C-alpha atoms as a PDB file:
ATOM      1  CA  MET A   1      86.496  72.860  73.815  1.00  0.00           C
ATOM      2  CA  ARG A   2      86.898  73.691  77.523  1.00  0.00           C
ATOM      3  CA  GLU A   3      90.100  75.338  76.737  1.00  0.00           C
ATOM      4  CA  SER A   4      88.639  77.811  74.485  1.00  0.00           C
ATOM      5  CA  ALA A   5      85.812  78.765  77.057  1.00  0.00           C
ATOM      6  CA  GLY A   6      88.800  79.654  79.681  1.00  0.00           C
ATOM      7  CA  ASN A   7      90.296  81.712  77.012  1.00  0.00           C
ATOM      8  CA  ALA A   8      87.061  83.429  76.366  1.00  0.00           C
ATOM      9  CA  GLN A   9      86.790  84.130  80.212  1.00  0.00           C
ATOM     10  CA  GLN A  10      90.108  85.673  80.393  1.00  0.00           C
ATOM     11  CA  GLU A  11      89.555  87.788  77.420  1.00  0.00           C
ATOM     12  CA  PHE A  12      86.298  89.214  79.013  1.00  0.00           C
ATOM     13  CA  LEU A  13      88.054  89.512  82.094  1.00  0.00           C
ATOM     14  CA  ARG A  14      91.083  91.412  80.636  1.00  0.00           C
ATOM     15  CA  ARG A  15      88.414  93.914  78.452  1.00  0.00           C
ATOM     16  CA  ARG A  16      86.305  94.234  81.712  1.00  0.00           C
ATOM     17  CA  ALA A  17      89.823  95.052  83.870  1.00  0.00           C
ATOM     18  CA  LYS A  18      90.676  97.599  81.036  1.00  0.00           C
ATOM     19  CA  ALA A  19      87.504  99.387  81.142  1.00  0.00           C
ATOM     20  CA  MET A  20      87.447  99.545  85.102  1.00  0.00           C
ATOM     21  CA  ARG A  21      90.882 101.232  84.969  1.00  0.00           C
ATOM     22  CA  SER A  22      89.338 103.971  82.812  1.00  0.00           C
ATOM     23  CA  GLU A  23      86.330 104.700  84.639  1.00  0.00           C
ATOM     24  CA  PRO A  24      87.510 104.344  88.509  1.00  0.00           C
ATOM     25  CA  THR A  25      85.678 105.664  91.434  1.00  0.00           C
ATOM     26  CA  ASP A  26      86.816 108.628  93.447  1.00  0.00           C
ATOM     27  CA  ALA A  27      87.838 106.333  96.264  1.00  0.00           C
ATOM     28  CA  GLU A  28      90.002 104.270  93.452  1.00  0.00           C
ATOM     29  CA  LEU A  29      91.529 106.958  92.057  1.00  0.00           C
ATOM     30  CA  LYS A  30      92.535 108.342  95.476  1.00  0.00           C
ATOM     31  CA  LEU A  31      94.027 105.039  96.562  1.00  0.00           C
ATOM     32  CA  TRP A  32      95.602 104.805  93.203  1.00  0.00           C
ATOM     33  CA  GLN A  33      97.445 108.093  93.669  1.00  0.00           C
ATOM     34  CA  ILE A  34      98.896 106.772  97.169  1.00  0.00           C
ATOM     35  CA  LEU A  35     100.046 103.221  95.649  1.00  0.00           C
ATOM     36  CA  ARG A  36     100.809 103.967  91.804  1.00  0.00           C
ATOM     37  CA  GLY A  37     104.370 104.357  90.735  1.00  0.00           C
ATOM     38  CA  LYS A  38     106.074 102.560  93.797  1.00  0.00           C
ATOM     39  CA  ARG A  39     105.043 105.611  95.805  1.00  0.00           C
ATOM     40  CA  LEU A  40     104.181 103.290  98.697  1.00  0.00           C
ATOM     41  CA  ALA A  41     107.674 102.614 100.355  1.00  0.00           C
ATOM     42  CA  GLY A  42     108.608 101.270  96.877  1.00  0.00           C
ATOM     43  CA  PHE A  43     106.211  98.414  96.577  1.00  0.00           C
ATOM     44  CA  LYS A  44     104.756  97.673  93.144  1.00  0.00           C
ATOM     45  CA  PHE A  45     100.927  97.732  92.800  1.00  0.00           C
ATOM     46  CA  LYS A  46      98.888  97.235  89.364  1.00  0.00           C
ATOM     47  CA  ARG A  47      95.041  98.200  89.669  1.00  0.00           C
ATOM     48  CA  GLN A  48      91.930  96.446  88.257  1.00  0.00           C
ATOM     49  CA  VAL A  49      93.740  92.919  87.666  1.00  0.00           C
ATOM     50  CA  PRO A  50      92.414  89.784  86.578  1.00  0.00           C
ATOM     51  CA  VAL A  51      93.203  87.208  89.371  1.00  0.00           C
ATOM     52  CA  ASP A  52      92.038  83.844  88.137  1.00  0.00           C
ATOM     53  CA  ARG A  53      88.154  84.501  87.446  1.00  0.00           C
ATOM     54  CA  TYR A  54      88.109  87.819  89.732  1.00  0.00           C
ATOM     55  CA  ILE A  55      89.014  91.155  89.033  1.00  0.00           C
ATOM     56  CA  ALA A  56      91.234  92.846  92.000  1.00  0.00           C
ATOM     57  CA  ASP A  57      91.037  96.522  92.385  1.00  0.00           C
ATOM     58  CA  PHE A  58      94.807  96.632  93.552  1.00  0.00           C
ATOM     59  CA  VAL A  59      97.350  93.838  93.688  1.00  0.00           C
ATOM     60  CA  CYS A  60     100.998  93.778  94.911  1.00  0.00           C
ATOM     61  CA  PHE A  61     102.035  90.169  93.359  1.00  0.00           C
ATOM     62  CA  SER A  62     105.667  90.466  95.025  1.00  0.00           C
ATOM     63  CA  ARG A  63     103.644  90.319  98.712  1.00  0.00           C
ATOM     64  CA  ARG A  64     100.531  88.780  97.263  1.00  0.00           C
ATOM     65  CA  LEU A  65      98.434  91.409  98.729  1.00  0.00           C
ATOM     66  CA  ILE A  66      94.999  92.750  97.145  1.00  0.00           C
ATOM     67  CA  ILE A  67      93.373  95.811  98.571  1.00  0.00           C
ATOM     68  CA  GLU A  68      89.563  96.533  97.465  1.00  0.00           C
ATOM     69  CA  ALA A  69      87.986  99.953  97.725  1.00  0.00           C
ATOM     70  CA  ASP A  70      84.369  99.332  98.677  1.00  0.00           C
ATOM     71  CA  GLY A  71      81.094 100.906  98.182  1.00  0.00           C
ATOM     72  CA  SER A  72      78.262 100.305 100.611  1.00  0.00           C
ATOM     73  CA  GLN A  73      76.951  97.597  98.020  1.00  0.00           C
ATOM     74  CA  HIS A  74      79.802  95.484  99.532  1.00  0.00           C
ATOM     75  CA  VAL A  75      78.537  95.595 103.002  1.00  0.00           C
ATOM     76  CA  ASP A  76      77.334  92.105 104.140  1.00  0.00           C
ATOM     77  CA  SER A  77      78.064  90.752 100.531  1.00  0.00           C
ATOM     78  CA  GLU A  78      78.093  86.716 100.231  1.00  0.00           C
ATOM     79  CA  TYR A  79      79.844  87.103  96.831  1.00  0.00           C
ATOM     80  CA  ASP A  80      82.820  89.034  98.614  1.00  0.00           C
ATOM     81  CA  THR A  81      82.850  86.580 101.140  1.00  0.00           C
ATOM     82  CA  GLN A  82      83.229  83.503  98.729  1.00  0.00           C
ATOM     83  CA  ARG A  83      85.679  85.854  96.419  1.00  0.00           C
ATOM     84  CA  ASP A  84      87.931  86.388  99.275  1.00  0.00           C
ATOM     85  CA  ALA A  85      87.875  82.837 100.838  1.00  0.00           C
ATOM     86  CA  TYR A  86      88.831  81.677  97.277  1.00  0.00           C
ATOM     87  CA  LEU A  87      91.573  84.331  96.775  1.00  0.00           C
ATOM     88  CA  ARG A  88      92.856  83.615 100.496  1.00  0.00           C
ATOM     89  CA  SER A  89      92.938  79.933  99.528  1.00  0.00           C
ATOM     90  CA  GLN A  90      95.408  81.076  96.455  1.00  0.00           C
ATOM     91  CA  GLY A  91      97.681  82.516  98.998  1.00  0.00           C
ATOM     92  CA  PHE A  92      96.616  86.361  99.039  1.00  0.00           C
ATOM     93  CA  GLU A  93      96.108  88.494 101.911  1.00  0.00           C
ATOM     94  CA  ILE A  94      92.845  90.861 101.236  1.00  0.00           C
ATOM     95  CA  MET A  95      92.478  94.289 102.627  1.00  0.00           C
ATOM     96  CA  ARG A  96      89.174  96.049 102.511  1.00  0.00           C
ATOM     97  CA  PHE A  97      88.750  99.709 102.825  1.00  0.00           C
ATOM     98  CA  SER A  98      85.270 101.523 102.487  1.00  0.00           C
ATOM     99  CA  ASN A  99      85.213 104.384  99.950  1.00  0.00           C
ATOM    100  CA  TYR A 100      84.428 106.968 102.961  1.00  0.00           C
ATOM    101  CA  ASP A 101      87.564 105.943 104.577  1.00  0.00           C
ATOM    102  CA  ILE A 102      89.701 106.195 101.600  1.00  0.00           C
ATOM    103  CA  LEU A 103      88.423 109.576 101.003  1.00  0.00           C
ATOM    104  CA  THR A 104      88.361 111.093 104.459  1.00  0.00           C
ATOM    105  CA  ASN A 105      91.365 109.193 105.824  1.00  0.00           C
ATOM    106  CA  ASP A 106      93.857 108.494 103.114  1.00  0.00           C
ATOM    107  CA  GLU A 107      97.125 108.574 105.416  1.00  0.00           C
ATOM    108  CA  GLY A 108      95.501 106.118 108.002  1.00  0.00           C
ATOM    109  CA  VAL A 109      94.808 103.666 104.899  1.00  0.00           C
ATOM    110  CA  ALA A 110      97.946 104.105 103.502  1.00  0.00           C
ATOM    111  CA  GLU A 111      99.558 103.483 107.030  1.00  0.00           C
ATOM    112  CA  MET A 112      97.527 100.524 107.466  1.00  0.00           C
ATOM    113  CA  ILE A 113      98.465  98.826 104.070  1.00  0.00           C
ATOM    114  CA  LEU A 114     102.056  99.894 104.834  1.00  0.00           C
ATOM    115  CA  ALA A 115     101.899  97.970 108.328  1.00  0.00           C
ATOM    116  CA  VAL A 116     100.719  94.722 106.406  1.00  0.00           C
ATOM    117  CA  LEU A 117     103.606  95.611 103.726  1.00  0.00           C
ATOM    118  CA  ASP A 118     106.223  95.761 106.452  1.00  0.00           C
ATOM    119  CA  LYS A 119     105.033  92.613 108.418  1.00  0.00           C
ATOM    120  CA  PHE A 120     105.756  90.667 104.968  1.00  0.00           C
ATOM    121  CA  GLU A 121     108.960  92.577 104.759  1.00  0.00           C
ATOM    122  CA  TYR A 122     110.160  91.676 108.052  1.00  0.00           C
ATOM    123  CA  GLY A 123     110.267  87.722 108.042  1.00  0.00           C
ATOM    124  CA  ALA A 124     106.425  86.958 108.049  1.00  0.00           C
ATOM    125  CA  SER A 125     105.488  85.710 104.492  1.00  0.00           C
ATOM    126  CA  PRO A 126     101.415  86.093 103.763  1.00  0.00           C
ATOM    127  CA  LEU A 127     100.943  82.351 104.206  1.00  0.00           C
ATOM    128  CA  SER A 128     103.117  82.070 107.685  1.00  0.00           C
ATOM    129  CA  PRO A 129     101.500  82.224 110.808  1.00  0.00           C
ATOM    130  CA  THR A 130     102.137  85.409 112.834  1.00  0.00           C
ATOM    131  CA  PRO A 131     105.029  85.147 115.152  1.00  0.00           C
ATOM    132  CA  LEU A 132     104.841  85.653 118.975  1.00  0.00           C
ATOM    133  CA  PRO A 133     106.149  89.227 120.094  1.00  0.00           C
ATOM    134  CA  HIS A 134     109.845  88.978 120.917  1.00  0.00           C
ATOM    135  CA  GLY A 135     108.806  89.689 125.059  1.00  0.00           C
ATOM    136  CA  GLU A 136     106.840  86.600 124.548  1.00  0.00           C
ATOM    137  CA  ARG A 137     109.751  84.300 123.610  1.00  0.00           C
ATOM    138  CA  GLY A 138     112.424  82.498 125.443  1.00  0.00           C
ATOM    139  CA  SER A 139     115.880  83.538 125.304  1.00  0.00           C
ATOM    140  CA  ASN A 140     116.706  80.772 122.814  1.00  0.00           C
ATOM    141  CA  GLY A 141     114.286  82.134 120.291  1.00  0.00           C
ATOM    142  CA  ALA A 142     111.515  79.222 121.067  1.00  0.00           C
ATOM    143  CA  GLU A 143     108.116  80.160 121.365  1.00  0.00           C
ATOM    144  CA  GLY A 144     106.506  79.745 124.713  1.00  0.00           C
ATOM    145  CA  THR A 145     109.674  78.739 126.636  1.00  0.00           C
ATOM    146  CA  ALA A 146     110.918  80.353 129.459  1.00  0.00           C
ATOM    147  CA  SER A 147     114.850  81.718 129.993  1.00  0.00           C
END
């Protein structure tokens, strides 16, 4: 019985995600133009994707990065706080951008996303702590040691 309820929820999320893909907001459409077709440094993104019990606006599964385009209804949202905490517990990093920023500064938004993707590319995984900059490492590479 429980399994059929889970299947029903997954089917509902798939249908809802499909409907959301067919009716994007202006900000989602603009962000999708940046992310689609591996346009952003070759990283593959999917849009309006069910991730467990939530639907993420954009997901790069290879880097476990979720990007959200947020309207004013998301400001100080307890639901979003709980949702983000859950998704982070599943190993995702979440980036949120206001619709205003996406629509008025799409190049800046793209640069911020790329900076996070590059961080993953050059050694740090989404679940790893950020290493110290090279100038703060000792000559043997150990953190916090002096030469």
